[in-house]
Amino acid sequence: MVEMKIFGLAVDEKAQSPVLILKDEVRDLALPIWVGPVEAMAISLAINAVETPRPMTHDLVSRIVEALSATITSVEIVSLREGTFYAELVLAHRVDGRDKLTRVDCRPSDAVAIAARTGVRILVAEAVLTAAGTRTLAGARAEFVDAERDEWTDELEKLSPDELKYKM
């Protein structure tokens, strides 16, 4: 697993869809993940520390975990299958006096929104980075191993680090 940080949010002009960009600063490797507009807004609110009058869904999840005496230790993007990313929340809790880790399946956008609110690490499996990681955003070449390479590369080439702000 590789620890990544939220680099920003962008808009895929062709599809008019938000793109979450995660980045591994050590290897200068980026991971673009296309997300929905509601999910992008949830991530944007968290990374911009926008206070809301009532808890958002991701705040609620964090509060429920805490109320059950558990802790979210990390979020992990664990696989990429047929163009869909899969993620898990990793929870630490005690069962019958023993420490236990439990993994909960979730969408990567939800995982990242929770990580942005709680400050936990975002981890990405090496296989995911091999399949979908890119070295740069300008002139990016996606590292897909199948026929989707050209389509993803075309979309990544349109992204600019200077424009990684989601407009809503």
Protein backbone atom coordinates (compact mmCIF):
# COMPACT_ATOMS: atom_id res chain seq x y z
CA MET A 1 0.00 0.00 0.00
CA VAL A 2 1.17 3.49 -0.89
CA GLU A 3 0.13 6.52 1.13
CA MET A 4 -1.35 9.28 -1.02
CA LYS A 5 -2.64 12.78 -0.36
CA ILE A 6 -5.55 14.67 -1.86
CA PHE A 7 -4.01 16.82 -4.58
CA GLY A 8 -7.27 18.41 -5.66
CA LEU A 9 -10.47 18.20 -7.64
CA ALA A 10 -10.81 18.97 -11.33
CA VAL A 11 -13.53 18.80 -13.96
CA ASP A 12 -13.33 16.47 -16.94
CA GLU A 13 -14.51 18.93 -19.59
CA LYS A 14 -15.55 16.22 -22.05
CA ALA A 15 -17.74 14.27 -19.64
CA GLN A 16 -18.54 17.27 -17.40
CA SER A 17 -17.63 15.06 -14.48
CA PRO A 18 -15.52 15.80 -11.40
CA VAL A 19 -12.17 14.08 -11.05
CA LEU A 20 -10.50 13.49 -7.68
CA ILE A 21 -6.70 13.59 -7.93
CA LEU A 22 -4.66 11.70 -5.32
CA LYS A 23 -0.89 12.11 -5.33
CA ASP A 24 2.12 10.25 -3.99
CA GLU A 25 4.64 13.06 -3.50
CA VAL A 26 7.57 10.68 -3.02
CA ARG A 27 7.21 9.04 -6.42
CA ASP A 28 5.47 11.98 -8.13
CA LEU A 29 2.63 9.66 -9.04
CA ALA A 30 -0.98 10.78 -9.45
CA LEU A 31 -4.17 8.74 -9.35
CA PRO A 32 -7.24 10.27 -11.03
CA ILE A 33 -10.62 8.95 -9.90
CA TRP A 34 -13.79 10.11 -11.60
CA VAL A 35 -16.49 10.84 -9.00
CA GLY A 36 -20.01 12.21 -8.95
CA PRO A 37 -20.81 15.88 -8.33
CA VAL A 38 -22.32 15.26 -4.89
CA GLU A 39 -19.26 13.26 -3.84
CA ALA A 40 -16.96 15.97 -5.19
CA MET A 41 -18.85 18.58 -3.18
CA ALA A 42 -18.50 16.47 -0.01
CA ILE A 43 -14.74 16.17 -0.56
CA SER A 44 -14.45 19.86 -1.42
CA LEU A 45 -16.27 20.90 1.75
CA ALA A 46 -13.90 18.76 3.81
CA ILE A 47 -10.62 19.84 2.19
CA ASN A 48 -11.66 23.48 2.37
CA ALA A 49 -12.74 23.11 6.03
CA VAL A 50 -16.21 24.48 5.33
CA GLU A 51 -18.43 24.31 8.38
CA THR A 52 -22.00 23.15 7.81
CA PRO A 53 -24.88 23.89 10.17
CA ARG A 54 -25.74 20.19 10.45
CA PRO A 55 -23.57 17.08 10.04
CA MET A 56 -23.08 15.84 6.50
CA THR A 57 -23.34 12.10 5.80
CA HIS A 58 -19.59 11.57 6.10
CA ASP A 59 -19.56 13.42 9.43
CA LEU A 60 -22.38 11.15 10.56
CA VAL A 61 -20.44 8.01 9.61
CA SER A 62 -17.44 9.24 11.60
CA ARG A 63 -19.65 10.03 14.59
CA ILE A 64 -21.30 6.61 14.49
CA VAL A 65 -17.92 4.88 14.40
CA GLU A 66 -16.76 6.96 17.36
CA ALA A 67 -20.03 6.35 19.29
CA LEU A 68 -19.40 2.62 18.90
CA SER A 69 -15.94 3.03 20.47
CA ALA A 70 -14.19 2.26 17.20
CA THR A 71 -11.62 4.27 15.26
CA ILE A 72 -11.14 4.69 11.54
CA THR A 73 -7.42 3.94 11.14
CA SER A 74 -7.16 4.42 7.37
CA VAL A 75 -9.03 4.30 4.11
CA GLU A 76 -7.71 2.04 1.38
CA ILE A 77 -8.32 1.95 -2.35
CA VAL A 78 -7.87 -1.76 -2.80
CA SER A 79 -8.68 -2.64 -6.39
CA LEU A 80 -9.72 -1.55 -9.86
CA ARG A 81 -12.03 -3.89 -11.76
CA GLU A 82 -13.63 -3.13 -15.12
CA GLY A 83 -13.01 0.59 -14.69
CA THR A 84 -14.45 0.75 -11.17
CA PHE A 85 -12.34 1.52 -8.11
CA TYR A 86 -13.07 -0.31 -4.85
CA ALA A 87 -12.21 0.96 -1.38
CA GLU A 88 -12.47 -0.03 2.26
CA LEU A 89 -12.65 1.78 5.58
CA VAL A 90 -10.33 0.14 8.10
CA LEU A 91 -11.82 0.24 11.60
CA ALA A 92 -10.06 -0.62 14.85
CA HIS A 93 -12.23 -1.75 17.77
CA ARG A 94 -12.33 -4.18 20.66
CA VAL A 95 -14.34 -7.40 20.63
CA ASP A 96 -14.42 -9.58 23.74
CA GLY A 97 -11.42 -7.73 25.15
CA ARG A 98 -9.33 -8.18 21.99
CA ASP A 99 -8.21 -5.59 19.47
CA LYS A 100 -9.71 -6.21 16.06
CA LEU A 101 -9.52 -4.62 12.60
CA THR A 102 -12.63 -4.66 10.46
CA ARG A 103 -12.79 -3.67 6.80
CA VAL A 104 -15.93 -2.08 5.42
CA ASP A 105 -16.53 -1.91 1.67
CA CYS A 106 -17.20 1.61 0.38
CA ARG A 107 -16.83 3.84 -2.66
CA PRO A 108 -13.46 5.60 -2.97
CA SER A 109 -15.17 8.98 -3.03
CA ASP A 110 -16.82 8.25 0.33
CA ALA A 111 -13.56 6.89 1.73
CA VAL A 112 -11.66 10.01 0.69
CA ALA A 113 -14.40 12.31 2.02
CA ILE A 114 -14.16 10.54 5.39
CA ALA A 115 -10.35 10.71 5.34
CA ALA A 116 -10.49 14.43 4.59
CA ARG A 117 -12.72 14.96 7.63
CA THR A 118 -10.87 12.69 10.04
CA GLY A 119 -7.27 13.12 8.92
CA VAL A 120 -6.66 9.39 8.51
CA ARG A 121 -4.25 8.05 5.91
CA ILE A 122 -5.34 7.32 2.35
CA LEU A 123 -3.64 4.15 1.13
CA VAL A 124 -3.69 2.80 -2.41
CA ALA A 125 -2.79 -0.72 -3.50
CA GLU A 126 0.24 -1.04 -5.78
CA ALA A 127 -1.87 -2.93 -8.33
CA VAL A 128 -4.25 0.05 -8.56
CA LEU A 129 -1.35 2.44 -9.14
CA THR A 130 0.12 0.14 -11.76
CA ALA A 131 -3.22 0.02 -13.58
CA ALA A 132 -4.33 3.65 -13.27
CA GLY A 133 -1.48 5.80 -11.95
CA THR A 134 0.16 8.52 -14.00
CA ARG A 135 3.48 10.29 -13.56
CA THR A 136 2.26 13.79 -14.35
CA LEU A 137 -0.98 15.58 -15.06
CA ALA A 138 0.37 17.63 -17.96
CA GLY A 139 0.81 15.30 -20.89
CA ALA A 140 -0.12 12.36 -18.70
CA ARG A 141 0.13 8.83 -20.00
CA ALA A 142 -2.13 6.49 -18.09
CA GLU A 143 -0.50 3.20 -17.24
CA PHE A 144 -3.45 0.95 -18.10
CA VAL A 145 -2.72 -2.54 -19.27
CA ASP A 146 -5.79 -2.84 -21.47
CA ALA A 147 -7.70 -1.10 -24.26
CA GLU A 148 -8.88 1.78 -22.02
CA ARG A 149 -5.38 3.33 -22.07
CA ASP A 150 -6.04 5.80 -24.92
CA GLU A 151 -9.38 7.01 -23.56
CA TRP A 152 -7.97 7.67 -20.05
CA THR A 153 -4.83 9.28 -21.48
CA ASP A 154 -6.89 11.69 -23.58
CA GLU A 155 -8.84 12.75 -20.50
CA LEU A 156 -5.74 13.12 -18.32
CA GLU A 157 -3.99 15.28 -20.90
CA LYS A 158 -6.73 17.88 -20.47
CA LEU A 159 -6.05 18.27 -16.73
CA SER A 160 -3.82 21.04 -15.50
CA PRO A 161 -2.42 21.33 -11.95
CA ASP A 162 -3.33 25.04 -12.09
CA GLU A 163 -7.01 24.22 -12.64
CA LEU A 164 -7.51 21.58 -9.96
CA LYS A 165 -10.36 23.35 -8.24
CA TYR A 166 -13.83 21.97 -8.55
CA LYS A 167 -16.39 24.62 -9.46
CA MET A 168 -19.89 24.13 -8.17
